[in-house]
Amino acid sequence: MKKLYFFVLSFLIFNASIWAQQARFGVKAGLNVSNIDNNDPFYDENSNYRTSFHAGLFAEIPLNSKFSFQPELLYSSIGKVDRYDLNYRIFDLEPLGADSFKLVQKRNYLTVPLTFKWYVAERLYINAGPQVSFLLNTVSKAKGDDFPDSYEDAYKASGEFKLDYGAVLGVGFFINDDINIGLQYYRGLKDLYADSFVDHKAYHSVFQLTAAYSIF
């Protein structure tokens, strides 16, 4: 049994050294267009996409001539924007000057995509795989034209480290040996309201446009 363990460990170390020699390492950054899918028309009616960004590091490890494995470590800011058309009034029913407002929900994550790339052509690839994310902080803020300062509200929380997980599917193209661009979609599979009193489910939905540069 000890010989078997030694053989397996030696095999992994040997292949890891080969992978490290063949792997490419680099940086990537791009655009996030995100929303939270509530799976309920009542809650989705006022929900709009939020535009933000992601950035981080990646390693691409060839498995054979057509397939490779790409782990990444990214900072990614996602969330949504809820817009409401209302007329706020005080007790004497006089308007306060704000007929609408928006609630911006920012959720900042440390994400770890673990995708596999299939090269369907020399420079064209399809990538897919799981992703796990750790919530770093959240910021929610109400904003509006002529919105009274006394009615503006901001909620901030940090260090929550709640786990999110889902699946990634995308396509990309190498402009040259070092630069590639990609478009992918992330679908969260964990109910964001699982630990709350909310009676419906919600999942992250994120489109990402990315540019990646291989340093070595």
N, C-alpha and C. Protein backbone atom coordinates (compact mmCIF):
# COMPACT_ATOMS: atom_id res chain seq x y z
N MET A 1 0.82 -1.21 0.00
CA MET A 1 0.00 0.00 0.00
C MET A 1 0.86 1.26 0.00
N LYS A 2 1.94 1.25 0.79
CA LYS A 2 2.83 2.40 0.84
C LYS A 2 3.46 2.64 -0.53
N LYS A 3 3.80 1.52 -1.24
CA LYS A 3 4.38 1.67 -2.56
C LYS A 3 3.38 2.31 -3.52
N LEU A 4 2.09 1.96 -3.36
CA LEU A 4 1.06 2.54 -4.22
C LEU A 4 0.94 4.05 -3.96
N TYR A 5 0.92 4.45 -2.68
CA TYR A 5 0.85 5.86 -2.35
C TYR A 5 2.06 6.60 -2.92
N PHE A 6 3.23 6.00 -2.79
CA PHE A 6 4.45 6.62 -3.30
C PHE A 6 4.39 6.78 -4.81
N PHE A 7 3.85 5.75 -5.49
CA PHE A 7 3.73 5.80 -6.95
C PHE A 7 2.77 6.91 -7.37
N VAL A 8 1.61 6.99 -6.72
CA VAL A 8 0.62 8.02 -7.06
C VAL A 8 1.18 9.41 -6.82
N LEU A 9 1.84 9.60 -5.67
CA LEU A 9 2.42 10.90 -5.36
C LEU A 9 3.50 11.27 -6.37
N SER A 10 4.35 10.32 -6.73
CA SER A 10 5.40 10.57 -7.71
C SER A 10 4.80 10.93 -9.07
N PHE A 11 3.73 10.22 -9.43
CA PHE A 11 3.06 10.48 -10.71
C PHE A 11 2.50 11.91 -10.75
N LEU A 12 1.85 12.33 -9.65
CA LEU A 12 1.26 13.67 -9.60
C LEU A 12 2.34 14.75 -9.65
N ILE A 13 3.42 14.54 -8.90
CA ILE A 13 4.49 15.52 -8.90
C ILE A 13 5.14 15.62 -10.27
N PHE A 14 5.35 14.47 -10.91
CA PHE A 14 5.96 14.44 -12.24
C PHE A 14 5.08 15.18 -13.26
N ASN A 15 3.79 14.88 -13.24
CA ASN A 15 2.89 15.53 -14.20
C ASN A 15 2.70 17.01 -13.89
N ALA A 16 2.70 17.35 -12.60
CA ALA A 16 2.57 18.77 -12.23
C ALA A 16 3.74 19.57 -12.77
N SER A 17 4.95 18.98 -12.74
CA SER A 17 6.12 19.68 -13.26
C SER A 17 6.03 19.85 -14.77
N ILE A 18 5.48 18.84 -15.46
CA ILE A 18 5.28 18.93 -16.91
C ILE A 18 4.25 19.99 -17.23
N TRP A 19 3.12 19.98 -16.49
CA TRP A 19 2.06 20.97 -16.71
C TRP A 19 2.59 22.38 -16.49
N ALA A 20 3.40 22.55 -15.42
CA ALA A 20 3.94 23.88 -15.12
C ALA A 20 4.83 24.37 -16.24
N GLN A 21 5.59 23.46 -16.87
CA GLN A 21 6.46 23.85 -17.97
C GLN A 21 5.66 24.23 -19.20
N GLN A 22 4.53 23.58 -19.42
CA GLN A 22 3.74 23.83 -20.61
C GLN A 22 2.68 24.92 -20.41
N ALA A 23 2.37 25.25 -19.18
CA ALA A 23 1.28 26.18 -18.89
C ALA A 23 1.64 27.60 -19.28
N ARG A 24 0.60 28.39 -19.54
CA ARG A 24 0.77 29.82 -19.73
C ARG A 24 0.07 30.54 -18.59
N PHE A 25 0.67 31.65 -18.13
CA PHE A 25 0.13 32.42 -17.02
C PHE A 25 -0.10 33.85 -17.49
N GLY A 26 -1.14 34.46 -16.96
CA GLY A 26 -1.41 35.82 -17.41
C GLY A 26 -2.42 36.55 -16.56
N VAL A 27 -2.84 37.70 -17.08
CA VAL A 27 -3.81 38.56 -16.40
C VAL A 27 -5.01 38.73 -17.33
N LYS A 28 -6.16 39.02 -16.73
CA LYS A 28 -7.36 39.24 -17.52
C LYS A 28 -8.24 40.27 -16.82
N ALA A 29 -9.05 40.95 -17.58
CA ALA A 29 -9.97 41.94 -17.03
C ALA A 29 -11.08 42.17 -18.05
N GLY A 30 -12.20 42.69 -17.57
CA GLY A 30 -13.28 42.93 -18.51
C GLY A 30 -14.54 43.44 -17.87
N LEU A 31 -15.60 43.40 -18.64
CA LEU A 31 -16.89 43.98 -18.29
C LEU A 31 -17.83 42.94 -17.72
N ASN A 32 -18.53 43.28 -16.65
CA ASN A 32 -19.63 42.48 -16.13
C ASN A 32 -20.96 43.17 -16.41
N VAL A 33 -21.93 42.44 -16.92
CA VAL A 33 -23.31 42.92 -17.04
C VAL A 33 -24.17 41.91 -16.28
N SER A 34 -24.62 42.30 -15.09
CA SER A 34 -25.20 41.33 -14.16
C SER A 34 -26.60 41.70 -13.72
N ASN A 35 -27.29 40.68 -13.28
CA ASN A 35 -28.62 40.84 -12.70
C ASN A 35 -28.84 39.71 -11.72
N ILE A 36 -29.93 39.77 -10.98
CA ILE A 36 -30.32 38.68 -10.09
C ILE A 36 -31.68 38.19 -10.54
N ASP A 37 -31.72 36.94 -10.97
CA ASP A 37 -32.95 36.32 -11.48
C ASP A 37 -33.75 35.78 -10.30
N ASN A 38 -34.92 36.38 -10.08
CA ASN A 38 -35.77 35.98 -8.96
C ASN A 38 -36.72 34.84 -9.29
N ASN A 39 -36.77 34.45 -10.58
CA ASN A 39 -37.71 33.40 -11.00
C ASN A 39 -39.14 33.73 -10.60
N ASP A 40 -39.46 35.03 -10.58
CA ASP A 40 -40.79 35.47 -10.19
C ASP A 40 -41.07 36.80 -10.90
N PRO A 41 -42.06 36.86 -11.80
CA PRO A 41 -42.32 38.09 -12.56
C PRO A 41 -42.58 39.30 -11.67
N PHE A 42 -43.17 39.10 -10.50
CA PHE A 42 -43.48 40.21 -9.61
C PHE A 42 -42.21 40.92 -9.15
N TYR A 43 -41.17 40.14 -8.82
CA TYR A 43 -39.92 40.72 -8.34
C TYR A 43 -39.00 41.13 -9.48
N ASP A 44 -39.13 40.49 -10.64
CA ASP A 44 -38.26 40.81 -11.77
C ASP A 44 -38.72 42.03 -12.56
N GLU A 45 -39.94 42.49 -12.32
CA GLU A 45 -40.52 43.56 -13.13
C GLU A 45 -39.68 44.83 -13.12
N ASN A 46 -39.15 45.21 -11.96
CA ASN A 46 -38.39 46.45 -11.83
C ASN A 46 -36.88 46.23 -11.85
N SER A 47 -36.46 45.00 -12.05
CA SER A 47 -35.04 44.66 -11.97
C SER A 47 -34.32 44.95 -13.29
N ASN A 48 -33.17 45.61 -13.20
CA ASN A 48 -32.37 45.96 -14.36
C ASN A 48 -30.93 45.48 -14.18
N TYR A 49 -30.22 45.37 -15.31
CA TYR A 49 -28.84 44.92 -15.27
C TYR A 49 -27.93 46.01 -14.72
N ARG A 50 -26.90 45.60 -13.98
CA ARG A 50 -25.86 46.50 -13.47
C ARG A 50 -24.58 46.23 -14.23
N THR A 51 -23.88 47.31 -14.61
CA THR A 51 -22.62 47.20 -15.33
C THR A 51 -21.45 47.46 -14.39
N SER A 52 -20.47 46.55 -14.38
CA SER A 52 -19.31 46.72 -13.53
C SER A 52 -18.13 46.01 -14.19
N PHE A 53 -17.20 45.44 -13.40
CA PHE A 53 -15.98 44.89 -13.98
C PHE A 53 -15.50 43.68 -13.19
N HIS A 54 -14.55 42.96 -13.80
CA HIS A 54 -13.83 41.88 -13.14
C HIS A 54 -12.36 41.97 -13.57
N ALA A 55 -11.45 41.45 -12.72
CA ALA A 55 -10.03 41.48 -13.03
C ALA A 55 -9.32 40.45 -12.17
N GLY A 56 -8.22 39.89 -12.72
CA GLY A 56 -7.47 38.92 -11.93
C GLY A 56 -6.43 38.17 -12.73
N LEU A 57 -6.12 36.96 -12.26
CA LEU A 57 -5.05 36.14 -12.81
C LEU A 57 -5.60 34.82 -13.33
N PHE A 58 -4.87 34.21 -14.26
CA PHE A 58 -5.26 32.89 -14.77
C PHE A 58 -4.02 32.07 -15.09
N ALA A 59 -4.22 30.76 -15.16
CA ALA A 59 -3.21 29.83 -15.65
C ALA A 59 -3.91 28.88 -16.61
N GLU A 60 -3.33 28.65 -17.78
CA GLU A 60 -3.88 27.70 -18.74
C GLU A 60 -2.94 26.52 -18.86
N ILE A 61 -3.46 25.34 -18.52
CA ILE A 61 -2.65 24.12 -18.47
C ILE A 61 -3.10 23.17 -19.58
N PRO A 62 -2.29 22.94 -20.61
CA PRO A 62 -2.68 22.04 -21.70
C PRO A 62 -2.85 20.60 -21.20
N LEU A 63 -3.92 19.95 -21.65
CA LEU A 63 -4.15 18.54 -21.35
C LEU A 63 -3.79 17.67 -22.55
N ASN A 64 -4.08 18.19 -23.74
CA ASN A 64 -3.64 17.57 -24.99
C ASN A 64 -3.70 18.66 -26.07
N SER A 65 -3.67 18.28 -27.31
CA SER A 65 -3.62 19.29 -28.38
C SER A 65 -4.92 20.07 -28.53
N LYS A 66 -6.03 19.55 -28.01
CA LYS A 66 -7.34 20.19 -28.18
C LYS A 66 -7.94 20.73 -26.89
N PHE A 67 -7.51 20.23 -25.75
CA PHE A 67 -8.14 20.59 -24.48
C PHE A 67 -7.11 21.16 -23.50
N SER A 68 -7.58 22.09 -22.67
CA SER A 68 -6.76 22.63 -21.59
C SER A 68 -7.64 22.95 -20.39
N PHE A 69 -7.00 23.07 -19.25
CA PHE A 69 -7.68 23.39 -17.99
C PHE A 69 -7.22 24.79 -17.56
N GLN A 70 -8.18 25.64 -17.20
CA GLN A 70 -7.83 27.02 -16.85
C GLN A 70 -8.44 27.42 -15.51
N PRO A 71 -7.66 27.38 -14.43
CA PRO A 71 -8.11 27.94 -13.16
C PRO A 71 -7.82 29.44 -13.13
N GLU A 72 -8.68 30.19 -12.44
CA GLU A 72 -8.53 31.64 -12.37
C GLU A 72 -8.80 32.12 -10.95
N LEU A 73 -8.30 33.29 -10.64
CA LEU A 73 -8.59 33.97 -9.38
C LEU A 73 -8.92 35.41 -9.72
N LEU A 74 -10.18 35.81 -9.51
CA LEU A 74 -10.66 37.11 -9.97
C LEU A 74 -11.37 37.87 -8.86
N TYR A 75 -11.28 39.19 -8.95
CA TYR A 75 -12.18 40.07 -8.21
C TYR A 75 -13.30 40.43 -9.16
N SER A 76 -14.55 40.24 -8.73
CA SER A 76 -15.68 40.47 -9.63
C SER A 76 -16.79 41.19 -8.88
N SER A 77 -17.23 42.30 -9.45
CA SER A 77 -18.30 43.10 -8.86
C SER A 77 -19.57 42.90 -9.68
N ILE A 78 -20.62 42.40 -9.05
CA ILE A 78 -21.88 42.14 -9.75
C ILE A 78 -23.04 42.71 -8.93
N GLY A 79 -24.26 42.36 -9.30
CA GLY A 79 -25.43 42.86 -8.58
C GLY A 79 -26.56 43.19 -9.52
N LYS A 80 -27.34 44.23 -9.18
CA LYS A 80 -28.45 44.63 -10.02
C LYS A 80 -28.89 46.04 -9.64
N VAL A 81 -29.79 46.60 -10.46
CA VAL A 81 -30.36 47.92 -10.20
C VAL A 81 -31.87 47.79 -10.28
N ASP A 82 -32.57 48.08 -9.18
CA ASP A 82 -34.03 48.08 -9.16
C ASP A 82 -34.52 49.51 -9.33
N ARG A 83 -35.44 49.73 -10.25
CA ARG A 83 -36.00 51.06 -10.49
C ARG A 83 -37.48 51.06 -10.11
N TYR A 84 -37.88 52.10 -9.39
CA TYR A 84 -39.25 52.22 -8.91
C TYR A 84 -39.81 53.59 -9.28
N ASP A 85 -40.99 53.62 -9.84
CA ASP A 85 -41.69 54.87 -10.12
C ASP A 85 -42.72 55.10 -9.03
N LEU A 86 -42.38 56.00 -8.12
CA LEU A 86 -43.22 56.27 -6.96
C LEU A 86 -43.27 57.78 -6.72
N ASN A 87 -44.20 58.19 -5.90
CA ASN A 87 -44.29 59.59 -5.51
C ASN A 87 -44.30 59.65 -4.00
N TYR A 88 -43.13 59.89 -3.40
CA TYR A 88 -43.01 59.91 -1.95
C TYR A 88 -43.73 61.13 -1.37
N ARG A 89 -44.50 60.91 -0.34
CA ARG A 89 -45.22 61.99 0.32
C ARG A 89 -45.05 61.85 1.82
N ILE A 90 -45.14 62.98 2.50
CA ILE A 90 -45.09 62.96 3.95
C ILE A 90 -46.51 62.94 4.49
N PHE A 91 -46.68 63.12 5.78
CA PHE A 91 -47.99 62.91 6.38
C PHE A 91 -49.05 63.87 5.87
N ASP A 92 -48.65 65.08 5.45
CA ASP A 92 -49.65 66.01 4.92
C ASP A 92 -49.93 65.77 3.44
N LEU A 93 -49.35 64.68 2.88
CA LEU A 93 -49.57 64.24 1.51
C LEU A 93 -49.00 65.18 0.46
N GLU A 94 -48.10 66.09 0.86
CA GLU A 94 -47.41 66.93 -0.11
C GLU A 94 -46.26 66.15 -0.72
N PRO A 95 -46.04 66.26 -2.04
CA PRO A 95 -44.93 65.52 -2.65
C PRO A 95 -43.58 66.04 -2.16
N LEU A 96 -42.63 65.15 -2.04
CA LEU A 96 -41.29 65.52 -1.58
C LEU A 96 -40.35 65.81 -2.75
N GLY A 97 -40.82 65.71 -3.96
CA GLY A 97 -40.00 66.08 -5.10
C GLY A 97 -39.35 64.92 -5.82
N ALA A 98 -39.54 63.70 -5.36
CA ALA A 98 -38.95 62.54 -6.03
C ALA A 98 -40.06 61.64 -6.53
N ASP A 99 -40.17 61.52 -7.85
CA ASP A 99 -41.20 60.67 -8.43
C ASP A 99 -40.70 59.26 -8.69
N SER A 100 -39.39 59.06 -8.64
CA SER A 100 -38.83 57.74 -8.87
C SER A 100 -37.48 57.64 -8.18
N PHE A 101 -37.04 56.43 -7.97
CA PHE A 101 -35.71 56.21 -7.42
C PHE A 101 -35.22 54.85 -7.87
N LYS A 102 -33.93 54.64 -7.69
CA LYS A 102 -33.36 53.34 -8.01
C LYS A 102 -32.58 52.83 -6.82
N LEU A 103 -32.59 51.52 -6.65
CA LEU A 103 -31.86 50.86 -5.58
C LEU A 103 -30.73 50.06 -6.22
N VAL A 104 -29.49 50.51 -6.01
CA VAL A 104 -28.31 49.87 -6.60
C VAL A 104 -27.78 48.86 -5.59
N GLN A 105 -27.71 47.60 -6.01
CA GLN A 105 -27.19 46.54 -5.15
C GLN A 105 -25.86 46.04 -5.73
N LYS A 106 -24.77 46.29 -4.99
CA LYS A 106 -23.44 45.86 -5.40
C LYS A 106 -23.02 44.68 -4.54
N ARG A 107 -22.55 43.63 -5.19
CA ARG A 107 -22.06 42.44 -4.48
C ARG A 107 -20.68 42.10 -5.04
N ASN A 108 -19.65 42.25 -4.21
CA ASN A 108 -18.27 42.08 -4.65
C ASN A 108 -17.74 40.73 -4.19
N TYR A 109 -17.22 39.96 -5.13
CA TYR A 109 -16.82 38.58 -4.87
C TYR A 109 -15.35 38.35 -5.21
N LEU A 110 -14.76 37.39 -4.54
CA LEU A 110 -13.52 36.74 -4.97
C LEU A 110 -13.95 35.45 -5.64
N THR A 111 -13.76 35.35 -6.94
CA THR A 111 -14.28 34.22 -7.70
C THR A 111 -13.16 33.30 -8.16
N VAL A 112 -13.48 32.01 -8.25
CA VAL A 112 -12.52 30.99 -8.70
C VAL A 112 -13.18 30.15 -9.79
N PRO A 113 -13.13 30.59 -11.05
CA PRO A 113 -13.61 29.75 -12.16
C PRO A 113 -12.63 28.61 -12.43
N LEU A 114 -13.15 27.43 -12.69
CA LEU A 114 -12.34 26.26 -13.01
C LEU A 114 -12.87 25.67 -14.31
N THR A 115 -12.43 26.24 -15.42
CA THR A 115 -13.03 25.90 -16.71
C THR A 115 -12.10 25.03 -17.56
N PHE A 116 -12.73 24.32 -18.47
CA PHE A 116 -12.02 23.52 -19.46
C PHE A 116 -12.24 24.17 -20.83
N LYS A 117 -11.16 24.26 -21.61
CA LYS A 117 -11.22 24.90 -22.92
C LYS A 117 -11.05 23.85 -24.02
N TRP A 118 -11.94 23.93 -24.99
CA TRP A 118 -11.88 23.04 -26.14
C TRP A 118 -11.60 23.88 -27.38
N TYR A 119 -10.45 23.64 -27.99
CA TYR A 119 -10.07 24.40 -29.18
C TYR A 119 -10.72 23.76 -30.40
N VAL A 120 -11.78 24.40 -30.89
CA VAL A 120 -12.51 23.88 -32.05
C VAL A 120 -11.81 24.26 -33.34
N ALA A 121 -10.92 25.25 -33.26
CA ALA A 121 -10.06 25.65 -34.38
C ALA A 121 -8.74 26.12 -33.77
N GLU A 122 -7.81 26.54 -34.63
CA GLU A 122 -6.48 26.90 -34.12
C GLU A 122 -6.55 28.01 -33.08
N ARG A 123 -7.39 29.02 -33.28
CA ARG A 123 -7.47 30.15 -32.36
C ARG A 123 -8.84 30.30 -31.69
N LEU A 124 -9.79 29.49 -32.07
CA LEU A 124 -11.15 29.59 -31.54
C LEU A 124 -11.40 28.49 -30.51
N TYR A 125 -11.98 28.86 -29.36
CA TYR A 125 -12.22 27.86 -28.32
C TYR A 125 -13.58 28.08 -27.66
N ILE A 126 -14.05 27.00 -27.05
CA ILE A 126 -15.25 27.03 -26.19
C ILE A 126 -14.80 26.67 -24.79
N ASN A 127 -15.27 27.38 -23.79
CA ASN A 127 -14.89 27.07 -22.41
C ASN A 127 -16.13 26.87 -21.55
N ALA A 128 -16.01 25.95 -20.60
CA ALA A 128 -17.12 25.64 -19.71
C ALA A 128 -16.58 25.02 -18.43
N GLY A 129 -17.33 25.16 -17.35
CA GLY A 129 -16.91 24.57 -16.09
C GLY A 129 -17.58 25.21 -14.90
N PRO A 130 -17.25 24.74 -13.70
CA PRO A 130 -17.84 25.28 -12.48
C PRO A 130 -17.12 26.55 -12.02
N GLN A 131 -17.80 27.28 -11.16
CA GLN A 131 -17.20 28.46 -10.52
C GLN A 131 -17.69 28.56 -9.09
N VAL A 132 -16.76 28.83 -8.18
CA VAL A 132 -17.13 29.10 -6.79
C VAL A 132 -16.70 30.53 -6.47
N SER A 133 -17.47 31.21 -5.63
CA SER A 133 -17.21 32.61 -5.30
C SER A 133 -17.42 32.83 -3.82
N PHE A 134 -16.62 33.76 -3.27
CA PHE A 134 -16.71 34.12 -1.86
C PHE A 134 -17.07 35.60 -1.76
N LEU A 135 -18.18 35.89 -1.12
CA LEU A 135 -18.66 37.26 -1.00
C LEU A 135 -17.75 38.06 -0.07
N LEU A 136 -17.16 39.13 -0.60
CA LEU A 136 -16.29 40.00 0.19
C LEU A 136 -17.08 41.09 0.91
N ASN A 137 -17.97 41.76 0.17
CA ASN A 137 -18.79 42.80 0.78
C ASN A 137 -19.99 43.11 -0.10
N THR A 138 -20.96 43.78 0.48
CA THR A 138 -22.15 44.21 -0.24
C THR A 138 -22.39 45.69 0.06
N VAL A 139 -22.91 46.39 -0.94
CA VAL A 139 -23.28 47.79 -0.78
C VAL A 139 -24.62 47.99 -1.47
N SER A 140 -25.60 48.49 -0.76
CA SER A 140 -26.91 48.81 -1.33
C SER A 140 -27.20 50.27 -1.05
N LYS A 141 -27.62 51.02 -2.08
CA LYS A 141 -27.85 52.44 -1.92
C LYS A 141 -29.02 52.89 -2.77
N ALA A 142 -29.91 53.69 -2.18
CA ALA A 142 -31.04 54.27 -2.90
C ALA A 142 -30.61 55.62 -3.48
N LYS A 143 -30.92 55.82 -4.76
CA LYS A 143 -30.57 57.07 -5.43
C LYS A 143 -31.75 57.53 -6.27
N GLY A 144 -31.82 58.85 -6.51
CA GLY A 144 -32.88 59.37 -7.36
C GLY A 144 -32.70 60.84 -7.64
N ASP A 145 -33.25 61.30 -8.79
CA ASP A 145 -33.22 62.72 -9.10
C ASP A 145 -34.09 63.46 -8.10
N ASP A 146 -33.53 64.52 -7.52
CA ASP A 146 -34.24 65.31 -6.50
C ASP A 146 -34.67 64.47 -5.31
N PHE A 147 -33.96 63.37 -5.11
CA PHE A 147 -34.30 62.50 -3.98
C PHE A 147 -33.83 63.18 -2.70
N PRO A 148 -34.69 63.43 -1.72
CA PRO A 148 -34.30 64.13 -0.49
C PRO A 148 -33.18 63.39 0.23
N ASP A 149 -32.17 64.15 0.70
CA ASP A 149 -31.05 63.54 1.39
C ASP A 149 -31.50 62.71 2.57
N SER A 150 -32.55 63.16 3.22
CA SER A 150 -33.03 62.44 4.41
C SER A 150 -33.59 61.07 4.05
N TYR A 151 -33.89 60.86 2.75
CA TYR A 151 -34.46 59.59 2.34
C TYR A 151 -33.43 58.70 1.64
N GLU A 152 -32.20 59.24 1.44
CA GLU A 152 -31.16 58.39 0.87
C GLU A 152 -30.67 57.42 1.94
N ASP A 153 -30.46 56.22 1.52
CA ASP A 153 -30.06 55.19 2.48
C ASP A 153 -28.96 54.34 1.87
N ALA A 154 -28.00 53.98 2.67
CA ALA A 154 -26.92 53.12 2.21
C ALA A 154 -26.71 52.01 3.21
N TYR A 155 -26.56 50.80 2.69
CA TYR A 155 -26.28 49.65 3.54
C TYR A 155 -24.97 49.04 3.09
N LYS A 156 -24.06 48.82 4.04
CA LYS A 156 -22.77 48.23 3.73
C LYS A 156 -22.49 47.08 4.68
N ALA A 157 -21.92 46.05 4.16
CA ALA A 157 -21.50 44.92 4.98
C ALA A 157 -20.24 44.34 4.37
N SER A 158 -19.31 43.92 5.19
CA SER A 158 -18.07 43.34 4.68
C SER A 158 -17.71 42.11 5.49
N GLY A 159 -16.81 41.31 4.92
CA GLY A 159 -16.35 40.12 5.62
C GLY A 159 -17.40 39.04 5.78
N GLU A 160 -18.39 39.02 4.88
CA GLU A 160 -19.45 38.02 5.02
C GLU A 160 -18.99 36.64 4.54
N PHE A 161 -18.20 36.61 3.46
CA PHE A 161 -17.62 35.38 2.92
C PHE A 161 -18.66 34.28 2.65
N LYS A 162 -19.86 34.69 2.26
CA LYS A 162 -20.86 33.72 1.89
C LYS A 162 -20.49 33.08 0.55
N LEU A 163 -20.79 31.82 0.42
CA LEU A 163 -20.40 31.07 -0.77
C LEU A 163 -21.48 31.14 -1.84
N ASP A 164 -21.03 31.36 -3.06
CA ASP A 164 -21.90 31.25 -4.23
C ASP A 164 -21.24 30.29 -5.20
N TYR A 165 -22.02 29.55 -5.94
CA TYR A 165 -21.46 28.63 -6.92
C TYR A 165 -22.40 28.52 -8.11
N GLY A 166 -21.80 28.15 -9.25
CA GLY A 166 -22.60 28.06 -10.46
C GLY A 166 -21.77 27.49 -11.60
N ALA A 167 -22.21 27.78 -12.83
CA ALA A 167 -21.57 27.22 -14.02
C ALA A 167 -21.27 28.33 -15.02
N VAL A 168 -20.17 28.14 -15.76
CA VAL A 168 -19.71 29.10 -16.76
C VAL A 168 -19.73 28.44 -18.13
N LEU A 169 -20.19 29.19 -19.14
CA LEU A 169 -20.14 28.73 -20.53
C LEU A 169 -19.78 29.91 -21.41
N GLY A 170 -18.77 29.72 -22.28
CA GLY A 170 -18.37 30.85 -23.10
C GLY A 170 -17.64 30.44 -24.36
N VAL A 171 -17.21 31.46 -25.10
CA VAL A 171 -16.48 31.26 -26.34
C VAL A 171 -15.41 32.34 -26.41
N GLY A 172 -14.26 32.04 -27.03
CA GLY A 172 -13.19 33.02 -27.12
C GLY A 172 -12.36 32.85 -28.37
N PHE A 173 -11.54 33.87 -28.62
CA PHE A 173 -10.72 33.85 -29.83
C PHE A 173 -9.37 34.51 -29.53
N PHE A 174 -8.27 33.86 -29.97
CA PHE A 174 -6.93 34.40 -29.81
C PHE A 174 -6.62 35.34 -30.97
N ILE A 175 -6.37 36.61 -30.63
CA ILE A 175 -5.97 37.59 -31.64
C ILE A 175 -4.56 37.30 -32.12
N ASN A 176 -3.70 36.96 -31.17
CA ASN A 176 -2.35 36.49 -31.47
C ASN A 176 -1.96 35.48 -30.40
N ASP A 177 -0.69 35.13 -30.30
CA ASP A 177 -0.28 34.09 -29.35
C ASP A 177 -0.47 34.50 -27.89
N ASP A 178 -0.55 35.80 -27.61
CA ASP A 178 -0.59 36.26 -26.22
C ASP A 178 -1.90 36.91 -25.80
N ILE A 179 -2.70 37.35 -26.74
CA ILE A 179 -3.92 38.10 -26.42
C ILE A 179 -5.14 37.37 -26.94
N ASN A 180 -6.14 37.20 -26.07
CA ASN A 180 -7.40 36.64 -26.52
C ASN A 180 -8.56 37.39 -25.88
N ILE A 181 -9.68 37.36 -26.56
CA ILE A 181 -10.91 37.98 -26.05
C ILE A 181 -11.97 36.89 -25.92
N GLY A 182 -12.86 37.05 -24.95
CA GLY A 182 -13.87 36.03 -24.72
C GLY A 182 -15.18 36.62 -24.25
N LEU A 183 -16.25 35.92 -24.54
CA LEU A 183 -17.58 36.26 -24.07
C LEU A 183 -18.14 35.03 -23.38
N GLN A 184 -18.58 35.19 -22.13
CA GLN A 184 -19.10 34.04 -21.41
C GLN A 184 -20.27 34.44 -20.52
N TYR A 185 -21.01 33.42 -20.09
CA TYR A 185 -22.17 33.62 -19.23
C TYR A 185 -22.02 32.78 -17.98
N TYR A 186 -22.28 33.42 -16.83
CA TYR A 186 -22.25 32.71 -15.55
C TYR A 186 -23.67 32.65 -15.00
N ARG A 187 -24.07 31.44 -14.63
CA ARG A 187 -25.38 31.23 -14.01
C ARG A 187 -25.18 30.70 -12.60
N GLY A 188 -25.61 31.44 -11.61
CA GLY A 188 -25.54 30.96 -10.25
C GLY A 188 -26.51 29.83 -10.01
N LEU A 189 -26.09 28.87 -9.21
CA LEU A 189 -26.94 27.71 -8.90
C LEU A 189 -27.32 27.66 -7.43
N LYS A 190 -26.81 28.61 -6.64
CA LYS A 190 -27.17 28.66 -5.23
C LYS A 190 -28.23 29.73 -5.01
N ASP A 191 -29.28 29.38 -4.29
CA ASP A 191 -30.34 30.33 -3.96
C ASP A 191 -29.79 31.39 -3.01
N LEU A 192 -29.79 32.65 -3.44
CA LEU A 192 -29.23 33.73 -2.64
C LEU A 192 -30.06 34.01 -1.38
N TYR A 193 -31.31 33.59 -1.39
CA TYR A 193 -32.19 33.84 -0.25
C TYR A 193 -32.44 32.59 0.58
N ALA A 194 -31.61 31.58 0.40
CA ALA A 194 -31.83 30.31 1.09
C ALA A 194 -31.81 30.46 2.61
N ASP A 195 -30.98 31.38 3.11
CA ASP A 195 -30.84 31.55 4.56
C ASP A 195 -31.65 32.71 5.11
N SER A 196 -32.62 33.20 4.34
CA SER A 196 -33.42 34.34 4.79
C SER A 196 -34.90 33.96 4.84
N PHE A 197 -35.70 34.93 5.21
CA PHE A 197 -37.14 34.72 5.32
C PHE A 197 -37.87 34.94 4.00
N VAL A 198 -37.15 35.36 2.95
CA VAL A 198 -37.76 35.63 1.65
C VAL A 198 -38.35 34.34 1.09
N ASP A 199 -39.57 34.45 0.54
CA ASP A 199 -40.30 33.24 0.14
C ASP A 199 -40.12 32.88 -1.33
N HIS A 200 -39.14 33.46 -2.02
CA HIS A 200 -38.86 33.06 -3.40
C HIS A 200 -37.36 32.89 -3.56
N LYS A 201 -36.98 32.29 -4.68
CA LYS A 201 -35.57 31.99 -4.92
C LYS A 201 -34.96 33.03 -5.87
N ALA A 202 -33.64 33.19 -5.75
CA ALA A 202 -32.93 34.15 -6.60
C ALA A 202 -31.54 33.62 -6.91
N TYR A 203 -31.08 33.90 -8.15
CA TYR A 203 -29.78 33.38 -8.59
C TYR A 203 -29.06 34.46 -9.40
N HIS A 204 -27.73 34.46 -9.31
CA HIS A 204 -26.94 35.40 -10.10
C HIS A 204 -27.00 35.05 -11.58
N SER A 205 -27.00 36.10 -12.41
CA SER A 205 -26.96 35.96 -13.86
C SER A 205 -26.00 37.01 -14.38
N VAL A 206 -24.88 36.58 -14.97
CA VAL A 206 -23.81 37.52 -15.33
C VAL A 206 -23.27 37.22 -16.73
N PHE A 207 -23.25 38.25 -17.58
CA PHE A 207 -22.56 38.19 -18.86
C PHE A 207 -21.22 38.89 -18.70
N GLN A 208 -20.16 38.29 -19.27
CA GLN A 208 -18.82 38.84 -19.11
C GLN A 208 -18.11 38.93 -20.46
N LEU A 209 -17.55 40.10 -20.72
CA LEU A 209 -16.70 40.32 -21.90
C LEU A 209 -15.28 40.53 -21.37
N THR A 210 -14.35 39.69 -21.80
CA THR A 210 -13.03 39.63 -21.17
C THR A 210 -11.91 39.75 -22.20
N ALA A 211 -10.84 40.43 -21.80
CA ALA A 211 -9.58 40.43 -22.56
C ALA A 211 -8.51 39.84 -21.66
N ALA A 212 -7.73 38.90 -22.19
CA ALA A 212 -6.69 38.22 -21.42
C ALA A 212 -5.34 38.35 -22.12
N TYR A 213 -4.31 38.51 -21.30
CA TYR A 213 -2.95 38.64 -21.84
C TYR A 213 -2.04 37.65 -21.15
N SER A 214 -1.36 36.82 -21.92
CA SER A 214 -0.43 35.83 -21.38
C SER A 214 0.93 36.48 -21.15
N ILE A 215 1.35 36.52 -19.88
CA ILE A 215 2.63 37.14 -19.54
C ILE A 215 3.78 36.20 -19.89
N PHE A 216 3.63 34.90 -19.56
CA PHE A 216 4.64 33.90 -19.91
C PHE A 216 3.99 32.52 -19.89
